[in-house]
């Protein structure tokens, strides 16, 4: 009887761990930054979850990338940075470069979580 209880407990524990791992999805979005644009490899995700934005500065000026209250450090020309963002609900999330004048010159857009 005791072995049966232990076996049932182990099966339940593995089921919980397995379902938690399946629900946690991470999407990588490559972002190319330049004067004065952002080009994202994906402009949306199908459902709320975690997105890692891999930002490469292909321009000649320093840029950053801000979305959902999070921001990369200033990225020098030719360098890269990553930004991990957890989107808890569906919606449109504005992104932009916070260097003065860059967003108004075109370094902005919206990322959609469906």
PDB file of N, CA and C in Angstrom:
ATOM      1  N   UNK A   1       0.825  -1.184   0.000  1.00  0.00           N
ATOM      2  CA  UNK A   1       0.000   0.000   0.000  1.00  0.00           C
ATOM      3  C   UNK A   1       0.876   1.257   0.000  1.00  0.00           C
ATOM      4  N   UNK A   2       1.917   1.239   0.816  1.00  0.00           N
ATOM      5  CA  UNK A   2       2.796   2.397   0.922  1.00  0.00           C
ATOM      6  C   UNK A   2       3.494   2.677  -0.423  1.00  0.00           C
ATOM      7  N   UNK A   3       3.934   1.628  -1.127  1.00  0.00           N
ATOM      8  CA  UNK A   3       4.573   1.786  -2.431  1.00  0.00           C
ATOM      9  C   UNK A   3       3.593   2.390  -3.433  1.00  0.00           C
ATOM     10  N   UNK A   4       2.336   1.983  -3.340  1.00  0.00           N
ATOM     11  CA  UNK A   4       1.315   2.513  -4.255  1.00  0.00           C
ATOM     12  C   UNK A   4       1.121   4.011  -4.032  1.00  0.00           C
ATOM     13  N   UNK A   5       1.106   4.442  -2.794  1.00  0.00           N
ATOM     14  CA  UNK A   5       0.935   5.871  -2.487  1.00  0.00           C
ATOM     15  C   UNK A   5       2.131   6.673  -3.005  1.00  0.00           C
ATOM     16  N   UNK A   6       3.329   6.159  -2.792  1.00  0.00           N
ATOM     17  CA  UNK A   6       4.538   6.827  -3.285  1.00  0.00           C
ATOM     18  C   UNK A   6       4.508   6.906  -4.803  1.00  0.00           C
ATOM     19  N   UNK A   7       4.099   5.825  -5.453  1.00  0.00           N
ATOM     20  CA  UNK A   7       4.026   5.804  -6.914  1.00  0.00           C
ATOM     21  C   UNK A   7       3.026   6.835  -7.426  1.00  0.00           C
ATOM     22  N   UNK A   8       1.866   6.904  -6.812  1.00  0.00           N
ATOM     23  CA  UNK A   8       0.851   7.887  -7.207  1.00  0.00           C
ATOM     24  C   UNK A   8       1.388   9.305  -7.006  1.00  0.00           C
ATOM     25  N   UNK A   9       2.067   9.557  -5.909  1.00  0.00           N
ATOM     26  CA  UNK A   9       2.632  10.885  -5.642  1.00  0.00           C
ATOM     27  C   UNK A   9       3.663  11.265  -6.690  1.00  0.00           C
ATOM     28  N   UNK A  10       4.506  10.317  -7.083  1.00  0.00           N
ATOM     29  CA  UNK A  10       5.513  10.585  -8.112  1.00  0.00           C
ATOM     30  C   UNK A  10       4.874  10.874  -9.470  1.00  0.00           C
ATOM     31  N   UNK A  11       3.864  10.101  -9.824  1.00  0.00           N
ATOM     32  CA  UNK A  11       3.168  10.318 -11.100  1.00  0.00           C
ATOM     33  C   UNK A  11       2.542  11.702 -11.117  1.00  0.00           C
ATOM     34  N   UNK A  12       1.907  12.110 -10.033  1.00  0.00           N
ATOM     35  CA  UNK A  12       1.302  13.439  -9.945  1.00  0.00           C
ATOM     36  C   UNK A  12       2.357  14.535 -10.046  1.00  0.00           C
ATOM     37  N   UNK A  13       3.478  14.348  -9.382  1.00  0.00           N
ATOM     38  CA  UNK A  13       4.553  15.352  -9.428  1.00  0.00           C
ATOM     39  C   UNK A  13       5.084  15.514 -10.839  1.00  0.00           C
ATOM     40  N   UNK A  14       5.303  14.406 -11.550  1.00  0.00           N
ATOM     41  CA  UNK A  14       5.786  14.485 -12.928  1.00  0.00           C
ATOM     42  C   UNK A  14       4.750  15.127 -13.843  1.00  0.00           C
ATOM     43  N   UNK A  15       3.480  14.884 -13.609  1.00  0.00           N
ATOM     44  CA  UNK A  15       2.418  15.481 -14.425  1.00  0.00           C
ATOM     45  C   UNK A  15       2.406  16.998 -14.260  1.00  0.00           C
ATOM     46  N   UNK A  16       2.561  17.469 -13.028  1.00  0.00           N
ATOM     47  CA  UNK A  16       2.584  18.916 -12.775  1.00  0.00           C
ATOM     48  C   UNK A  16       3.804  19.552 -13.426  1.00  0.00           C
ATOM     49  N   UNK A  17       4.970  18.958 -13.264  1.00  0.00           N
ATOM     50  CA  UNK A  17       6.191  19.499 -13.860  1.00  0.00           C
ATOM     51  C   UNK A  17       6.096  19.481 -15.375  1.00  0.00           C
ATOM     52  N   UNK A  18       5.607  18.402 -15.935  1.00  0.00           N
ATOM     53  CA  UNK A  18       5.483  18.288 -17.382  1.00  0.00           C
ATOM     54  C   UNK A  18       4.533  19.306 -17.961  1.00  0.00           C
ATOM     55  N   UNK A  19       3.393  19.551 -17.326  1.00  0.00           N
ATOM     56  CA  UNK A  19       2.434  20.510 -17.853  1.00  0.00           C
ATOM     57  C   UNK A  19       2.946  21.934 -17.694  1.00  0.00           C
ATOM     58  N   UNK A  20       3.683  22.220 -16.633  1.00  0.00           N
ATOM     59  CA  UNK A  20       4.239  23.565 -16.454  1.00  0.00           C
ATOM     60  C   UNK A  20       5.271  23.863 -17.522  1.00  0.00           C
ATOM     61  N   UNK A  21       6.097  22.890 -17.866  1.00  0.00           N
ATOM     62  CA  UNK A  21       7.105  23.082 -18.897  1.00  0.00           C
ATOM     63  C   UNK A  21       6.492  23.283 -20.268  1.00  0.00           C
ATOM     64  N   UNK A  22       5.383  22.589 -20.546  1.00  0.00           N
ATOM     65  CA  UNK A  22       4.733  22.711 -21.849  1.00  0.00           C
ATOM     66  C   UNK A  22       4.076  24.071 -22.007  1.00  0.00           C
ATOM     67  N   UNK A  23       3.559  24.640 -20.911  1.00  0.00           N
ATOM     68  CA  UNK A  23       2.853  25.913 -20.991  1.00  0.00           C
ATOM     69  C   UNK A  23       3.815  27.089 -21.160  1.00  0.00           C
ATOM     70  N   UNK A  24       5.029  26.952 -20.690  1.00  0.00           N
ATOM     71  CA  UNK A  24       5.992  28.054 -20.740  1.00  0.00           C
ATOM     72  C   UNK A  24       6.675  28.077 -22.110  1.00  0.00           C
ATOM     73  N   UNK A  25       6.232  28.992 -22.963  1.00  0.00           N
ATOM     74  CA  UNK A  25       6.847  29.099 -24.289  1.00  0.00           C
ATOM     75  C   UNK A  25       7.607  30.404 -24.392  1.00  0.00           C
ATOM     76  N   UNK A  26       8.732  30.348 -25.055  1.00  0.00           N
ATOM     77  CA  UNK A  26       9.529  31.543 -25.292  1.00  0.00           C
ATOM     78  C   UNK A  26       9.736  31.677 -26.791  1.00  0.00           C
ATOM     79  N   UNK A  27       9.483  32.872 -27.284  1.00  0.00           N
ATOM     80  CA  UNK A  27       9.655  33.174 -28.699  1.00  0.00           C
ATOM     81  C   UNK A  27      10.803  34.158 -28.844  1.00  0.00           C
ATOM     82  N   UNK A  28      11.676  33.919 -29.809  1.00  0.00           N
ATOM     83  CA  UNK A  28      12.750  34.867 -30.098  1.00  0.00           C
ATOM     84  C   UNK A  28      12.358  35.704 -31.297  1.00  0.00           C
ATOM     85  N   UNK A  29      12.490  37.013 -31.143  1.00  0.00           N
ATOM     86  CA  UNK A  29      12.229  37.950 -32.236  1.00  0.00           C
ATOM     87  C   UNK A  29      13.534  38.693 -32.516  1.00  0.00           C
ATOM     88  N   UNK A  30      14.044  38.561 -33.733  1.00  0.00           N
ATOM     89  CA  UNK A  30      15.253  39.289 -34.132  1.00  0.00           C
ATOM     90  C   UNK A  30      14.854  40.692 -34.547  1.00  0.00           C
ATOM     91  N   UNK A  31      15.587  41.674 -34.023  1.00  0.00           N
ATOM     92  CA  UNK A  31      15.307  43.074 -34.317  1.00  0.00           C
ATOM     93  C   UNK A  31      16.554  43.693 -34.936  1.00  0.00           C
ATOM     94  N   UNK A  32      16.389  44.259 -36.116  1.00  0.00           N
ATOM     95  CA  UNK A  32      17.482  44.986 -36.767  1.00  0.00           C
ATOM     96  C   UNK A  32      17.192  46.470 -36.594  1.00  0.00           C
ATOM     97  N   UNK A  33      18.154  47.196 -36.049  1.00  0.00           N
ATOM     98  CA  UNK A  33      18.007  48.637 -35.824  1.00  0.00           C
ATOM     99  C   UNK A  33      18.971  49.391 -36.728  1.00  0.00           C
ATOM    100  N   UNK A  34      18.529  50.502 -37.239  1.00  0.00           N
ATOM    101  CA  UNK A  34      19.378  51.333 -38.088  1.00  0.00           C
ATOM    102  C   UNK A  34      18.822  52.743 -38.145  1.00  0.00           C
ATOM    103  N   UNK A  35      19.370  53.556 -39.012  1.00  0.00           N
ATOM    104  CA  UNK A  35      18.908  54.934 -39.135  1.00  0.00           C
ATOM    105  C   UNK A  35      17.801  55.016 -40.181  1.00  0.00           C
ATOM    106  N   UNK A  36      16.660  55.316 -39.846  1.00  0.00           N
ATOM    107  CA  UNK A  36      15.992  55.367 -38.539  1.00  0.00           C
ATOM    108  C   UNK A  36      14.817  54.415 -38.619  1.00  0.00           C
ATOM    109  N   UNK A  37      15.067  53.150 -38.311  1.00  0.00           N
ATOM    110  CA  UNK A  37      14.063  52.097 -38.448  1.00  0.00           C
ATOM    111  C   UNK A  37      14.348  50.959 -37.477  1.00  0.00           C
ATOM    112  N   UNK A  38      13.304  50.165 -37.259  1.00  0.00           N
ATOM    113  CA  UNK A  38      13.419  48.850 -36.645  1.00  0.00           C
ATOM    114  C   UNK A  38      12.780  47.873 -37.614  1.00  0.00           C
ATOM    115  N   UNK A  39      13.397  46.728 -37.813  1.00  0.00           N
ATOM    116  CA  UNK A  39      12.805  45.660 -38.613  1.00  0.00           C
ATOM    117  C   UNK A  39      12.767  44.417 -37.733  1.00  0.00           C
ATOM    118  N   UNK A  40      11.551  43.957 -37.396  1.00  0.00           N
ATOM    119  CA  UNK A  40      11.360  42.798 -36.533  1.00  0.00           C
ATOM    120  C   UNK A  40      11.098  41.560 -37.383  1.00  0.00           C
ATOM    121  N   UNK A  41      11.669  40.422 -36.992  1.00  0.00           N
ATOM    122  CA  UNK A  41      11.440  39.172 -37.718  1.00  0.00           C
ATOM    123  C   UNK A  41      10.006  38.684 -37.553  1.00  0.00           C
ATOM    124  N   UNK A  42       9.358  39.075 -36.463  1.00  0.00           N
ATOM    125  CA  UNK A  42       7.947  38.781 -36.206  1.00  0.00           C
ATOM    126  C   UNK A  42       7.328  40.024 -35.589  1.00  0.00           C
ATOM    127  N   UNK A  43       6.140  40.386 -36.053  1.00  0.00           N
ATOM    128  CA  UNK A  43       5.482  41.563 -35.492  1.00  0.00           C
ATOM    129  C   UNK A  43       4.406  41.193 -34.480  1.00  0.00           C
ATOM    130  N   UNK A  44       4.231  39.868 -34.243  1.00  0.00           N
ATOM    131  CA  UNK A  44       3.208  39.438 -33.289  1.00  0.00           C
ATOM    132  C   UNK A  44       3.505  38.018 -32.795  1.00  0.00           C
ATOM    133  N   UNK A  45       2.814  37.676 -31.695  1.00  0.00           N
ATOM    134  CA  UNK A  45       2.808  36.295 -31.212  1.00  0.00           C
ATOM    135  C   UNK A  45       1.353  35.888 -31.028  1.00  0.00           C
ATOM    136  N   UNK A  46       1.089  34.596 -31.114  1.00  0.00           N
ATOM    137  CA  UNK A  46      -0.275  34.083 -31.120  1.00  0.00           C
ATOM    138  C   UNK A  46      -0.984  34.162 -29.768  1.00  0.00           C
ATOM    139  N   UNK A  47      -0.220  34.145 -28.687  1.00  0.00           N
ATOM    140  CA  UNK A  47      -0.835  34.196 -27.358  1.00  0.00           C
ATOM    141  C   UNK A  47       0.169  34.789 -26.373  1.00  0.00           C
ATOM    142  N   UNK A  48      -0.317  35.242 -25.208  1.00  0.00           N
ATOM    143  CA  UNK A  48       0.614  35.785 -24.212  1.00  0.00           C
ATOM    144  C   UNK A  48       1.722  34.793 -23.874  1.00  0.00           C
ATOM    145  N   UNK A  49       2.902  35.329 -23.600  1.00  0.00           N
ATOM    146  CA  UNK A  49       4.063  34.515 -23.264  1.00  0.00           C
ATOM    147  C   UNK A  49       5.309  35.364 -23.198  1.00  0.00           C
ATOM    148  N   UNK A  50       6.450  34.711 -23.196  1.00  0.00           N
ATOM    149  CA  UNK A  50       7.732  35.392 -23.072  1.00  0.00           C
ATOM    150  C   UNK A  50       8.365  35.560 -24.444  1.00  0.00           C
ATOM    151  N   UNK A  51       8.892  36.755 -24.678  1.00  0.00           N
ATOM    152  CA  UNK A  51       9.586  37.050 -25.928  1.00  0.00           C
ATOM    153  C   UNK A  51      10.986  37.541 -25.593  1.00  0.00           C
ATOM    154  N   UNK A  52      11.970  36.978 -26.279  1.00  0.00           N
ATOM    155  CA  UNK A  52      13.339  37.474 -26.188  1.00  0.00           C
ATOM    156  C   UNK A  52      13.592  38.265 -27.468  1.00  0.00           C
ATOM    157  N   UNK A  53      13.775  39.570 -27.321  1.00  0.00           N
ATOM    158  CA  UNK A  53      14.093  40.432 -28.450  1.00  0.00           C
ATOM    159  C   UNK A  53      15.617  40.471 -28.580  1.00  0.00           C
ATOM    160  N   UNK A  54      16.132  39.974 -29.702  1.00  0.00           N
ATOM    161  CA  UNK A  54      17.569  39.981 -29.980  1.00  0.00           C
ATOM    162  C   UNK A  54      17.823  41.153 -30.926  1.00  0.00           C
ATOM    163  N   UNK A  55      18.354  42.247 -30.376  1.00  0.00           N
ATOM    164  CA  UNK A  55      18.486  43.501 -31.113  1.00  0.00           C
ATOM    165  C   UNK A  55      19.915  43.671 -31.629  1.00  0.00           C
ATOM    166  N   UNK A  56      20.048  43.868 -32.936  1.00  0.00           N
ATOM    167  CA  UNK A  56      21.354  44.134 -33.556  1.00  0.00           C
ATOM    168  C   UNK A  56      21.323  45.538 -34.125  1.00  0.00           C
ATOM    169  N   UNK A  57      22.293  46.334 -33.746  1.00  0.00           N
ATOM    170  CA  UNK A  57      22.410  47.689 -34.281  1.00  0.00           C
ATOM    171  C   UNK A  57      23.229  47.623 -35.565  1.00  0.00           C
ATOM    172  N   UNK A  58      22.539  47.711 -36.697  1.00  0.00           N
ATOM    173  CA  UNK A  58      23.191  47.688 -38.012  1.00  0.00           C
ATOM    174  C   UNK A  58      23.461  49.099 -38.524  1.00  0.00           C
ATOM    175  N   UNK A  59      23.184  50.098 -37.691  1.00  0.00           N
ATOM    176  CA  UNK A  59      23.370  51.477 -38.100  1.00  0.00           C
ATOM    177  C   UNK A  59      24.732  52.033 -37.741  1.00  0.00           C
ATOM    178  N   UNK A  60      24.842  53.363 -37.864  1.00  0.00           N
ATOM    179  CA  UNK A  60      26.102  54.059 -37.572  1.00  0.00           C
ATOM    180  C   UNK A  60      26.023  54.894 -36.299  1.00  0.00           C
ATOM    181  N   UNK A  61      24.829  54.938 -35.688  1.00  0.00           N
ATOM    182  CA  UNK A  61      24.612  55.675 -34.445  1.00  0.00           C
ATOM    183  C   UNK A  61      24.186  54.694 -33.359  1.00  0.00           C
ATOM    184  N   UNK A  62      24.335  55.076 -32.106  1.00  0.00           N
ATOM    185  CA  UNK A  62      23.874  54.240 -30.995  1.00  0.00           C
ATOM    186  C   UNK A  62      22.348  54.292 -30.910  1.00  0.00           C
ATOM    187  N   UNK A  63      21.736  53.150 -30.581  1.00  0.00           N
ATOM    188  CA  UNK A  63      20.284  53.040 -30.441  1.00  0.00           C
ATOM    189  C   UNK A  63      19.977  52.173 -29.232  1.00  0.00           C
ATOM    190  N   UNK A  64      18.726  52.227 -28.772  1.00  0.00           N
ATOM    191  CA  UNK A  64      18.230  51.289 -27.770  1.00  0.00           C
ATOM    192  C   UNK A  64      16.867  50.793 -28.235  1.00  0.00           C
ATOM    193  N   UNK A  65      16.281  49.887 -27.475  1.00  0.00           N
ATOM    194  CA  UNK A  65      14.981  49.304 -27.820  1.00  0.00           C
ATOM    195  C   UNK A  65      14.169  49.217 -26.548  1.00  0.00           C
ATOM    196  N   UNK A  66      12.996  49.858 -26.535  1.00  0.00           N
ATOM    197  CA  UNK A  66      12.141  49.878 -25.356  1.00  0.00           C
ATOM    198  C   UNK A  66      10.759  49.347 -25.722  1.00  0.00           C
ATOM    199  N   UNK A  67      10.247  48.437 -24.878  1.00  0.00           N
ATOM    200  CA  UNK A  67       8.907  47.887 -25.046  1.00  0.00           C
ATOM    201  C   UNK A  67       8.389  47.421 -23.691  1.00  0.00           C
ATOM    202  N   UNK A  68       7.106  47.657 -23.449  1.00  0.00           N
ATOM    203  CA  UNK A  68       6.432  47.168 -22.234  1.00  0.00           C
ATOM    204  C   UNK A  68       7.166  47.546 -20.950  1.00  0.00           C
ATOM    205  N   UNK A  69       7.705  48.758 -20.909  1.00  0.00           N
ATOM    206  CA  UNK A  69       8.378  49.231 -19.709  1.00  0.00           C
ATOM    207  C   UNK A  69       9.793  48.729 -19.504  1.00  0.00           C
ATOM    208  N   UNK A  70      10.311  47.946 -20.452  1.00  0.00           N
ATOM    209  CA  UNK A  70      11.684  47.448 -20.361  1.00  0.00           C
ATOM    210  C   UNK A  70      12.500  48.026 -21.503  1.00  0.00           C
ATOM    211  N   UNK A  71      13.804  48.179 -21.254  1.00  0.00           N
ATOM    212  CA  UNK A  71      14.653  48.816 -22.261  1.00  0.00           C
ATOM    213  C   UNK A  71      16.047  48.212 -22.237  1.00  0.00           C
ATOM    214  N   UNK A  72      16.646  48.098 -23.427  1.00  0.00           N
ATOM    215  CA  UNK A  72      18.047  47.684 -23.498  1.00  0.00           C
ATOM    216  C   UNK A  72      18.922  48.859 -23.099  1.00  0.00           C
ATOM    217  N   UNK A  73      20.163  48.569 -22.829  1.00  0.00           N
ATOM    218  CA  UNK A  73      21.154  49.636 -22.689  1.00  0.00           C
ATOM    219  C   UNK A  73      21.377  50.215 -24.089  1.00  0.00           C
ATOM    220  N   UNK A  74      22.094  51.299 -24.167  1.00  0.00           N
ATOM    221  CA  UNK A  74      22.444  51.879 -25.467  1.00  0.00           C
ATOM    222  C   UNK A  74      23.322  50.884 -26.220  1.00  0.00           C
ATOM    223  N   UNK A  75      22.946  50.581 -27.452  1.00  0.00           N
ATOM    224  CA  UNK A  75      23.650  49.584 -28.258  1.00  0.00           C
ATOM    225  C   UNK A  75      24.512  50.321 -29.284  1.00  0.00           C
ATOM    226  N   UNK A  76      25.787  50.105 -29.212  1.00  0.00           N
ATOM    227  CA  UNK A  76      26.716  50.765 -30.133  1.00  0.00           C
ATOM    228  C   UNK A  76      26.628  50.125 -31.522  1.00  0.00           C
ATOM    229  N   UNK A  77      27.031  50.847 -32.570  1.00  0.00           N
ATOM    230  CA  UNK A  77      27.000  50.296 -33.928  1.00  0.00           C
ATOM    231  C   UNK A  77      27.729  48.952 -34.014  1.00  0.00           C
ATOM    232  N   UNK A  78      27.077  47.989 -34.687  1.00  0.00           N
ATOM    233  CA  UNK A  78      27.655  46.662 -34.861  1.00  0.00           C
ATOM    234  C   UNK A  78      27.477  45.722 -33.684  1.00  0.00           C
ATOM    235  N   UNK A  79      26.943  46.208 -32.580  1.00  0.00           N
ATOM    236  CA  UNK A  79      26.779  45.394 -31.365  1.00  0.00           C
ATOM    237  C   UNK A  79      25.348  44.884 -31.244  1.00  0.00           C
ATOM    238  N   UNK A  80      25.148  43.924 -30.328  1.00  0.00           N
ATOM    239  CA  UNK A  80      23.832  43.349 -30.083  1.00  0.00           C
ATOM    240  C   UNK A  80      23.480  43.397 -28.602  1.00  0.00           C
ATOM    241  N   UNK A  81      22.182  43.281 -28.336  1.00  0.00           N
ATOM    242  CA  UNK A  81      21.683  43.202 -26.961  1.00  0.00           C
ATOM    243  C   UNK A  81      20.408  42.371 -26.987  1.00  0.00           C
ATOM    244  N   UNK A  82      20.095  41.752 -25.859  1.00  0.00           N
ATOM    245  CA  UNK A  82      18.845  41.014 -25.756  1.00  0.00           C
ATOM    246  C   UNK A  82      17.979  41.607 -24.659  1.00  0.00           C
ATOM    247  N   UNK A  83      16.684  41.478 -24.868  1.00  0.00           N
ATOM    248  CA  UNK A  83      15.708  41.985 -23.904  1.00  0.00           C
ATOM    249  C   UNK A  83      14.624  40.929 -23.761  1.00  0.00           C
ATOM    250  N   UNK A  84      14.441  40.425 -22.550  1.00  0.00           N
ATOM    251  CA  UNK A  84      13.434  39.396 -22.280  1.00  0.00           C
ATOM    252  C   UNK A  84      12.212  40.059 -21.664  1.00  0.00           C
ATOM    253  N   UNK A  85      11.051  39.862 -22.310  1.00  0.00           N
ATOM    254  CA  UNK A  85       9.818  40.501 -21.862  1.00  0.00           C
ATOM    255  C   UNK A  85       8.723  39.444 -21.736  1.00  0.00           C
ATOM    256  N   UNK A  86       8.043  39.444 -20.612  1.00  0.00           N
ATOM    257  CA  UNK A  86       6.892  38.548 -20.390  1.00  0.00           C
ATOM    258  C   UNK A  86       5.630  39.352 -20.647  1.00  0.00           C
ATOM    259  N   UNK A  87       4.865  38.943 -21.666  1.00  0.00           N
ATOM    260  CA  UNK A  87       3.587  39.573 -21.982  1.00  0.00           C
ATOM    261  C   UNK A  87       2.486  38.726 -21.346  1.00  0.00           C
ATOM    262  N   UNK A  88       1.797  39.284 -20.344  1.00  0.00           N
ATOM    263  CA  UNK A  88       0.798  38.538 -19.583  1.00  0.00           C
ATOM    264  C   UNK A  88      -0.578  38.562 -20.229  1.00  0.00           C
ATOM    265  N   UNK A  89      -0.829  39.534 -21.107  1.00  0.00           N
ATOM    266  CA  UNK A  89      -2.154  39.606 -21.717  1.00  0.00           C
ATOM    267  C   UNK A  89      -2.059  40.100 -23.156  1.00  0.00           C
ATOM    268  N   UNK A  90      -3.112  39.833 -23.899  1.00  0.00           N
ATOM    269  CA  UNK A  90      -3.178  40.249 -25.298  1.00  0.00           C
ATOM    270  C   UNK A  90      -3.229  41.774 -25.393  1.00  0.00           C
ATOM    271  N   UNK A  91      -2.749  42.290 -26.522  1.00  0.00           N
ATOM    272  CA  UNK A  91      -2.806  43.732 -26.750  1.00  0.00           C
ATOM    273  C   UNK A  91      -1.735  44.172 -27.723  1.00  0.00           C
ATOM    274  N   UNK A  92      -1.714  45.475 -27.976  1.00  0.00           N
ATOM    275  CA  UNK A  92      -0.680  46.076 -28.821  1.00  0.00           C
ATOM    276  C   UNK A  92       0.290  46.788 -27.893  1.00  0.00           C
ATOM    277  N   UNK A  93       1.571  46.516 -28.078  1.00  0.00           N
ATOM    278  CA  UNK A  93       2.614  47.083 -27.237  1.00  0.00           C
ATOM    279  C   UNK A  93       3.531  47.937 -28.105  1.00  0.00           C
ATOM    280  N   UNK A  94       3.607  49.217 -27.772  1.00  0.00           N
ATOM    281  CA  UNK A  94       4.451  50.134 -28.538  1.00  0.00           C
ATOM    282  C   UNK A  94       5.924  49.888 -28.215  1.00  0.00           C
ATOM    283  N   UNK A  95       6.757  49.951 -29.246  1.00  0.00           N
ATOM    284  CA  UNK A  95       8.203  49.891 -29.049  1.00  0.00           C
ATOM    285  C   UNK A  95       8.819  51.121 -29.704  1.00  0.00           C
ATOM    286  N   UNK A  96      10.007  51.522 -29.208  1.00  0.00           N
ATOM    287  CA  UNK A  96      10.673  52.699 -29.744  1.00  0.00           C
ATOM    288  C   UNK A  96      12.116  52.761 -29.299  1.00  0.00           C
ATOM    289  N   UNK A  97      12.859  53.630 -29.971  1.00  0.00           N
ATOM    290  CA  UNK A  97      14.210  53.998 -29.561  1.00  0.00           C
ATOM    291  C   UNK A  97      14.067  55.268 -28.737  1.00  0.00           C
ATOM    292  N   UNK A  98      14.664  55.288 -27.542  1.00  0.00           N
ATOM    293  CA  UNK A  98      14.494  56.446 -26.655  1.00  0.00           C
ATOM    294  C   UNK A  98      15.549  57.527 -26.854  1.00  0.00           C
ATOM    295  N   UNK A  99      16.485  57.332 -27.776  1.00  0.00           N
ATOM    296  CA  UNK A  99      17.466  58.381 -28.065  1.00  0.00           C
ATOM    297  C   UNK A  99      16.686  59.573 -28.627  1.00  0.00           C
ATOM    298  N   UNK A 100      16.896  60.768 -28.094  1.00  0.00           N
ATOM    299  CA  UNK A 100      16.122  61.927 -28.537  1.00  0.00           C
ATOM    300  C   UNK A 100      16.093  62.086 -30.068  1.00  0.00           C
ATOM    301  N   UNK A 101      14.856  62.192 -30.585  1.00  0.00           N
ATOM    302  CA  UNK A 101      14.639  62.401 -32.009  1.00  0.00           C
ATOM    303  C   UNK A 101      14.525  61.128 -32.833  1.00  0.00           C
ATOM    304  N   UNK A 102      14.971  59.996 -32.314  1.00  0.00           N
ATOM    305  CA  UNK A 102      14.974  58.767 -33.114  1.00  0.00           C
ATOM    306  C   UNK A 102      13.567  58.211 -33.350  1.00  0.00           C
ATOM    307  N   UNK A 103      12.714  58.195 -32.320  1.00  0.00           N
ATOM    308  CA  UNK A 103      11.342  57.689 -32.501  1.00  0.00           C
ATOM    309  C   UNK A 103      10.580  58.552 -33.498  1.00  0.00           C
ATOM    310  N   UNK A 104      10.720  59.856 -33.380  1.00  0.00           N
ATOM    311  CA  UNK A 104      10.003  60.748 -34.305  1.00  0.00           C
ATOM    312  C   UNK A 104      10.536  60.625 -35.731  1.00  0.00           C
ATOM    313  N   UNK A 105      11.759  60.137 -35.887  1.00  0.00           N
ATOM    314  CA  UNK A 105      12.347  59.932 -37.217  1.00  0.00           C
ATOM    315  C   UNK A 105      11.967  58.562 -37.800  1.00  0.00           C
ATOM    316  N   UNK A 106      11.222  57.748 -37.034  1.00  0.00           N
ATOM    317  CA  UNK A 106      10.741  56.479 -37.566  1.00  0.00           C
ATOM    318  C   UNK A 106      11.066  55.246 -36.753  1.00  0.00           C
ATOM    319  N   UNK A 107      11.821  55.380 -35.668  1.00  0.00           N
ATOM    320  CA  UNK A 107      12.213  54.211 -34.873  1.00  0.00           C
ATOM    321  C   UNK A 107      11.157  53.906 -33.816  1.00  0.00           C
ATOM    322  N   UNK A 108       9.994  53.452 -34.304  1.00  0.00           N
ATOM    323  CA  UNK A 108       8.900  53.099 -33.417  1.00  0.00           C
ATOM    324  C   UNK A 108       7.934  52.193 -34.160  1.00  0.00           C
ATOM    325  N   UNK A 109       7.097  51.503 -33.415  1.00  0.00           N
ATOM    326  CA  UNK A 109       6.104  50.629 -34.008  1.00  0.00           C
ATOM    327  C   UNK A 109       5.312  49.941 -32.927  1.00  0.00           C
ATOM    328  N   UNK A 110       4.529  48.930 -33.327  1.00  0.00           N
ATOM    329  CA  UNK A 110       3.710  48.174 -32.380  1.00  0.00           C
ATOM    330  C   UNK A 110       3.962  46.686 -32.556  1.00  0.00           C
ATOM    331  N   UNK A 111       4.023  45.997 -31.425  1.00  0.00           N
ATOM    332  CA  UNK A 111       4.143  44.546 -31.380  1.00  0.00           C
ATOM    333  C   UNK A 111       2.827  44.032 -30.825  1.00  0.00           C
ATOM    334  N   UNK A 112       2.234  43.038 -31.478  1.00  0.00           N
ATOM    335  CA  UNK A 112       0.910  42.554 -31.103  1.00  0.00           C
ATOM    336  C   UNK A 112       0.983  41.189 -30.432  1.00  0.00           C
ATOM    337  N   UNK A 113       0.270  41.079 -29.323  1.00  0.00           N
ATOM    338  CA  UNK A 113       0.073  39.805 -28.637  1.00  0.00           C
ATOM    339  C   UNK A 113      -1.408  39.475 -28.789  1.00  0.00           C
ATOM    340  N   UNK A 114      -1.690  38.364 -29.483  1.00  0.00           N
ATOM    341  CA  UNK A 114      -3.103  38.011 -29.737  1.00  0.00           C
ATOM    342  C   UNK A 114      -3.702  37.191 -28.632  1.00  0.00           C
TER     343      UNK A 114
END
